[in-house]
Amino acid sequence: MTDTALEINAFTEELIRQLRATDQFGNWAKMSDEELLTKKYVKTKEQLKEIPIIADIDEMLIGEIKMIYKAIALQFERKTGVMCNVVMEMSHEGFGRCIVIADKIVLVDKYFKDAHRFSYRTLDKLYEDGQKLLDKAFDIFEQYKPCKDKA
């Protein structure tokens, strides 16, 4: 982590909301947002070396990955008023795909390979990638949104 406070953006705010909402028993209540995001999404090179190259992915990790795309979808809905769907299909081996759809438009399309090793090296990278996906979703929607003038 950097010495300065990390920049919280629209994507990150939504991801934090999603994580906090799933904490049914208050286990993470005393953790700061940065600690929680680091615990869930950041792995060092040393931590990655401990994860086997070939392994099954657990349901909790699938949920955490999907939560990133749900955060994008919910923030998109908040800003545009257009409802989104997140569809994720993942094999037990960690191969799969996640898409975020608004109307008939695919806003985000991500393929996964070895998802059991999914992580970011830093929180800054998580924040940056999530916000990029959200910004790109807005751009795609603007480019392809249906015209309301047609009857």
C-alpha atoms as a PDB file:
ATOM      1  CA  MET A   1       0.000   0.000   0.000  1.00  0.00           C
ATOM      2  CA  THR A   2       1.034   3.573  -0.509  1.00  0.00           C
ATOM      3  CA  ASP A   3       1.645   6.049   2.309  1.00  0.00           C
ATOM      4  CA  THR A   4      -1.186   8.298   1.157  1.00  0.00           C
ATOM      5  CA  ALA A   5      -4.853   7.466   1.462  1.00  0.00           C
ATOM      6  CA  LEU A   6      -6.054   5.525  -1.540  1.00  0.00           C
ATOM      7  CA  GLU A   7      -8.512   7.224  -3.844  1.00  0.00           C
ATOM      8  CA  ILE A   8     -12.012   5.905  -3.328  1.00  0.00           C
ATOM      9  CA  ASN A   9     -13.989   6.030  -6.578  1.00  0.00           C
ATOM     10  CA  ALA A  10     -17.587   5.149  -7.530  1.00  0.00           C
ATOM     11  CA  PHE A  11     -16.691   1.526  -8.201  1.00  0.00           C
ATOM     12  CA  THR A  12     -14.831   1.119  -4.909  1.00  0.00           C
ATOM     13  CA  GLU A  13     -17.644   2.690  -2.883  1.00  0.00           C
ATOM     14  CA  GLU A  14     -20.095   0.184  -4.344  1.00  0.00           C
ATOM     15  CA  LEU A  15     -17.771  -2.774  -3.817  1.00  0.00           C
ATOM     16  CA  ILE A  16     -17.339  -1.803  -0.161  1.00  0.00           C
ATOM     17  CA  ARG A  17     -21.129  -1.509   0.213  1.00  0.00           C
ATOM     18  CA  GLN A  18     -21.547  -4.977  -1.273  1.00  0.00           C
ATOM     19  CA  LEU A  19     -18.921  -6.535   0.991  1.00  0.00           C
ATOM     20  CA  ARG A  20     -20.319  -4.896   4.123  1.00  0.00           C
ATOM     21  CA  ALA A  21     -23.842  -6.041   3.217  1.00  0.00           C
ATOM     22  CA  THR A  22     -22.722  -9.684   3.120  1.00  0.00           C
ATOM     23  CA  ASP A  23     -21.193  -9.534   6.609  1.00  0.00           C
ATOM     24  CA  GLN A  24     -24.140 -11.143   8.395  1.00  0.00           C
ATOM     25  CA  PHE A  25     -22.384 -11.714  11.696  1.00  0.00           C
ATOM     26  CA  GLY A  26     -20.306  -8.527  11.936  1.00  0.00           C
ATOM     27  CA  ASN A  27     -16.980 -10.321  11.516  1.00  0.00           C
ATOM     28  CA  TRP A  28     -15.557  -7.476   9.454  1.00  0.00           C
ATOM     29  CA  ALA A  29     -17.132  -4.577  11.375  1.00  0.00           C
ATOM     30  CA  LYS A  30     -13.862  -3.624  13.066  1.00  0.00           C
ATOM     31  CA  MET A  31     -11.850  -3.793   9.822  1.00  0.00           C
ATOM     32  CA  SER A  32     -11.255  -0.651   7.831  1.00  0.00           C
ATOM     33  CA  ASP A  33     -12.440  -0.611   4.225  1.00  0.00           C
ATOM     34  CA  GLU A  34      -8.846  -0.887   3.015  1.00  0.00           C
ATOM     35  CA  GLU A  35      -8.143  -3.889   5.268  1.00  0.00           C
ATOM     36  CA  LEU A  36     -11.293  -5.639   4.077  1.00  0.00           C
ATOM     37  CA  LEU A  37     -10.569  -5.066   0.393  1.00  0.00           C
ATOM     38  CA  THR A  38      -6.973  -6.171   0.886  1.00  0.00           C
ATOM     39  CA  LYS A  39      -8.072  -9.361   2.656  1.00  0.00           C
ATOM     40  CA  LYS A  40     -10.534 -10.222  -0.116  1.00  0.00           C
ATOM     41  CA  TYR A  41      -8.769  -9.123  -3.298  1.00  0.00           C
ATOM     42  CA  VAL A  42      -5.030  -8.488  -2.845  1.00  0.00           C
ATOM     43  CA  LYS A  43      -2.387 -11.219  -2.912  1.00  0.00           C
ATOM     44  CA  THR A  44       1.359 -10.809  -2.973  1.00  0.00           C
ATOM     45  CA  LYS A  45       3.578 -12.818  -5.286  1.00  0.00           C
ATOM     46  CA  GLU A  46       4.549 -14.976  -2.316  1.00  0.00           C
ATOM     47  CA  GLN A  47       0.892 -15.717  -1.509  1.00  0.00           C
ATOM     48  CA  LEU A  48       0.240 -16.647  -5.141  1.00  0.00           C
ATOM     49  CA  LYS A  49       3.187 -19.060  -5.118  1.00  0.00           C
ATOM     50  CA  GLU A  50       1.440 -20.972  -2.320  1.00  0.00           C
ATOM     51  CA  ILE A  51      -1.647 -21.553  -4.525  1.00  0.00           C
ATOM     52  CA  PRO A  52      -1.275 -24.576  -6.816  1.00  0.00           C
ATOM     53  CA  ILE A  53      -1.361 -24.005 -10.577  1.00  0.00           C
ATOM     54  CA  ILE A  54      -4.126 -26.585 -10.977  1.00  0.00           C
ATOM     55  CA  ALA A  55      -6.827 -26.590  -8.310  1.00  0.00           C
ATOM     56  CA  ASP A  56     -10.558 -26.325  -7.832  1.00  0.00           C
ATOM     57  CA  ILE A  57     -12.119 -22.956  -7.068  1.00  0.00           C
ATOM     58  CA  ASP A  58     -14.291 -22.596  -3.985  1.00  0.00           C
ATOM     59  CA  GLU A  59     -17.752 -21.030  -3.984  1.00  0.00           C
ATOM     60  CA  MET A  60     -16.687 -18.181  -1.703  1.00  0.00           C
ATOM     61  CA  LEU A  61     -14.063 -16.981  -4.189  1.00  0.00           C
ATOM     62  CA  ILE A  62     -16.564 -17.235  -7.043  1.00  0.00           C
ATOM     63  CA  GLY A  63     -18.879 -14.998  -5.014  1.00  0.00           C
ATOM     64  CA  GLU A  64     -16.113 -12.491  -4.324  1.00  0.00           C
ATOM     65  CA  ILE A  65     -15.224 -12.282  -8.022  1.00  0.00           C
ATOM     66  CA  LYS A  66     -18.885 -11.896  -8.970  1.00  0.00           C
ATOM     67  CA  MET A  67     -19.206  -9.128  -6.381  1.00  0.00           C
ATOM     68  CA  ILE A  68     -16.801  -6.974  -8.410  1.00  0.00           C
ATOM     69  CA  TYR A  69     -19.124  -7.189 -11.401  1.00  0.00           C
ATOM     70  CA  LYS A  70     -22.215  -6.651  -9.245  1.00  0.00           C
ATOM     71  CA  ALA A  71     -20.618  -3.457  -7.961  1.00  0.00           C
ATOM     72  CA  ILE A  72     -20.133  -2.281 -11.546  1.00  0.00           C
ATOM     73  CA  ALA A  73     -23.744  -3.167 -12.396  1.00  0.00           C
ATOM     74  CA  LEU A  74     -25.212  -1.443  -9.328  1.00  0.00           C
ATOM     75  CA  GLN A  75     -23.165   1.707  -9.811  1.00  0.00           C
ATOM     76  CA  PHE A  76     -24.208   1.761 -13.467  1.00  0.00           C
ATOM     77  CA  GLU A  77     -27.875   1.442 -12.418  1.00  0.00           C
ATOM     78  CA  ARG A  78     -27.466   4.233  -9.875  1.00  0.00           C
ATOM     79  CA  LYS A  79     -26.073   6.628 -12.482  1.00  0.00           C
ATOM     80  CA  THR A  80     -28.291   5.750 -15.447  1.00  0.00           C
ATOM     81  CA  GLY A  81     -31.491   4.292 -13.999  1.00  0.00           C
ATOM     82  CA  VAL A  82     -31.119   1.346 -16.400  1.00  0.00           C
ATOM     83  CA  MET A  83     -31.362  -2.056 -14.741  1.00  0.00           C
ATOM     84  CA  CYS A  84     -28.422  -4.443 -15.171  1.00  0.00           C
ATOM     85  CA  ASN A  85     -27.921  -8.173 -14.851  1.00  0.00           C
ATOM     86  CA  VAL A  86     -24.733  -9.968 -13.923  1.00  0.00           C
ATOM     87  CA  VAL A  87     -24.378 -13.465 -15.341  1.00  0.00           C
ATOM     88  CA  MET A  88     -21.447 -15.608 -14.272  1.00  0.00           C
ATOM     89  CA  GLU A  89     -20.680 -19.179 -15.220  1.00  0.00           C
ATOM     90  CA  MET A  90     -17.644 -20.822 -13.650  1.00  0.00           C
ATOM     91  CA  SER A  91     -16.435 -24.416 -13.800  1.00  0.00           C
ATOM     92  CA  HIS A  92     -15.022 -26.059 -10.688  1.00  0.00           C
ATOM     93  CA  GLU A  93     -11.601 -25.765 -12.351  1.00  0.00           C
ATOM     94  CA  GLY A  94     -11.780 -21.959 -12.477  1.00  0.00           C
ATOM     95  CA  PHE A  95     -12.617 -21.479 -16.150  1.00  0.00           C
ATOM     96  CA  GLY A  96     -15.566 -19.264 -16.895  1.00  0.00           C
ATOM     97  CA  ARG A  97     -17.102 -16.034 -18.009  1.00  0.00           C
ATOM     98  CA  CYS A  98     -18.868 -13.077 -16.440  1.00  0.00           C
ATOM     99  CA  ILE A  99     -21.006 -10.563 -18.309  1.00  0.00           C
ATOM    100  CA  VAL A 100     -22.877  -7.452 -17.247  1.00  0.00           C
ATOM    101  CA  ILE A 101     -25.925  -6.677 -19.388  1.00  0.00           C
ATOM    102  CA  ALA A 102     -28.110  -3.547 -19.579  1.00  0.00           C
ATOM    103  CA  ASP A 103     -31.127  -3.680 -21.881  1.00  0.00           C
ATOM    104  CA  LYS A 104     -29.770  -5.801 -24.740  1.00  0.00           C
ATOM    105  CA  ILE A 105     -26.262  -4.385 -24.468  1.00  0.00           C
ATOM    106  CA  VAL A 106     -23.294  -6.283 -23.045  1.00  0.00           C
ATOM    107  CA  LEU A 107     -21.448  -3.714 -20.936  1.00  0.00           C
ATOM    108  CA  VAL A 108     -18.716  -5.974 -19.563  1.00  0.00           C
ATOM    109  CA  ASP A 109     -17.513  -9.327 -20.892  1.00  0.00           C
ATOM    110  CA  LYS A 110     -14.732 -11.058 -18.969  1.00  0.00           C
ATOM    111  CA  TYR A 111     -13.277 -14.542 -19.460  1.00  0.00           C
ATOM    112  CA  PHE A 112     -11.496 -16.335 -16.629  1.00  0.00           C
ATOM    113  CA  LYS A 113      -8.778 -18.934 -16.639  1.00  0.00           C
ATOM    114  CA  ASP A 114      -7.358 -20.221 -13.350  1.00  0.00           C
ATOM    115  CA  ALA A 115      -9.818 -18.100 -11.365  1.00  0.00           C
ATOM    116  CA  HIS A 116      -8.709 -19.860  -8.166  1.00  0.00           C
ATOM    117  CA  ARG A 117      -5.637 -17.598  -8.427  1.00  0.00           C
ATOM    118  CA  PHE A 118      -7.684 -14.421  -9.028  1.00  0.00           C
ATOM    119  CA  SER A 119      -6.267 -11.385  -7.238  1.00  0.00           C
ATOM    120  CA  TYR A 120      -4.742  -7.947  -7.567  1.00  0.00           C
ATOM    121  CA  ARG A 121      -1.230  -6.998  -6.483  1.00  0.00           C
ATOM    122  CA  THR A 122      -2.327  -3.700  -4.899  1.00  0.00           C
ATOM    123  CA  LEU A 123      -5.503  -1.941  -3.849  1.00  0.00           C
ATOM    124  CA  ASP A 124      -4.678   0.836  -6.296  1.00  0.00           C
ATOM    125  CA  LYS A 125      -4.834  -1.701  -9.141  1.00  0.00           C
ATOM    126  CA  LEU A 126      -8.219  -2.990  -7.927  1.00  0.00           C
ATOM    127  CA  TYR A 127      -9.582   0.560  -7.727  1.00  0.00           C
ATOM    128  CA  GLU A 128      -8.177   1.456 -11.140  1.00  0.00           C
ATOM    129  CA  ASP A 129      -9.380  -1.682 -12.942  1.00  0.00           C
ATOM    130  CA  GLY A 130     -12.858  -1.502 -11.447  1.00  0.00           C
ATOM    131  CA  GLN A 131     -13.281   2.157 -12.343  1.00  0.00           C
ATOM    132  CA  LYS A 132     -11.988   1.494 -15.876  1.00  0.00           C
ATOM    133  CA  LEU A 133     -14.598  -1.253 -16.325  1.00  0.00           C
ATOM    134  CA  LEU A 134     -17.325   1.062 -15.030  1.00  0.00           C
ATOM    135  CA  ASP A 135     -16.248   3.951 -17.274  1.00  0.00           C
ATOM    136  CA  LYS A 136     -16.071   1.612 -20.268  1.00  0.00           C
ATOM    137  CA  ALA A 137     -19.585   0.330 -19.450  1.00  0.00           C
ATOM    138  CA  PHE A 138     -20.906   3.918 -19.617  1.00  0.00           C
ATOM    139  CA  ASP A 139     -19.129   4.471 -22.943  1.00  0.00           C
ATOM    140  CA  ILE A 140     -20.485   1.249 -24.458  1.00  0.00           C
ATOM    141  CA  PHE A 141     -24.000   2.046 -23.306  1.00  0.00           C
ATOM    142  CA  GLU A 142     -23.846   5.549 -24.769  1.00  0.00           C
ATOM    143  CA  GLN A 143     -22.626   4.129 -28.065  1.00  0.00           C
ATOM    144  CA  TYR A 144     -25.267   1.397 -28.372  1.00  0.00           C
ATOM    145  CA  LYS A 145     -28.245   2.480 -26.267  1.00  0.00           C
ATOM    146  CA  PRO A 146     -31.624   2.120 -27.968  1.00  0.00           C
ATOM    147  CA  CYS A 147     -33.143   5.246 -29.447  1.00  0.00           C
ATOM    148  CA  LYS A 148     -36.316   6.285 -27.577  1.00  0.00           C
ATOM    149  CA  ASP A 149     -37.694   8.169 -30.614  1.00  0.00           C
ATOM    150  CA  LYS A 150     -38.513   4.970 -32.522  1.00  0.00           C
ATOM    151  CA  ALA A 151     -42.132   3.849 -32.134  1.00  0.00           C
END
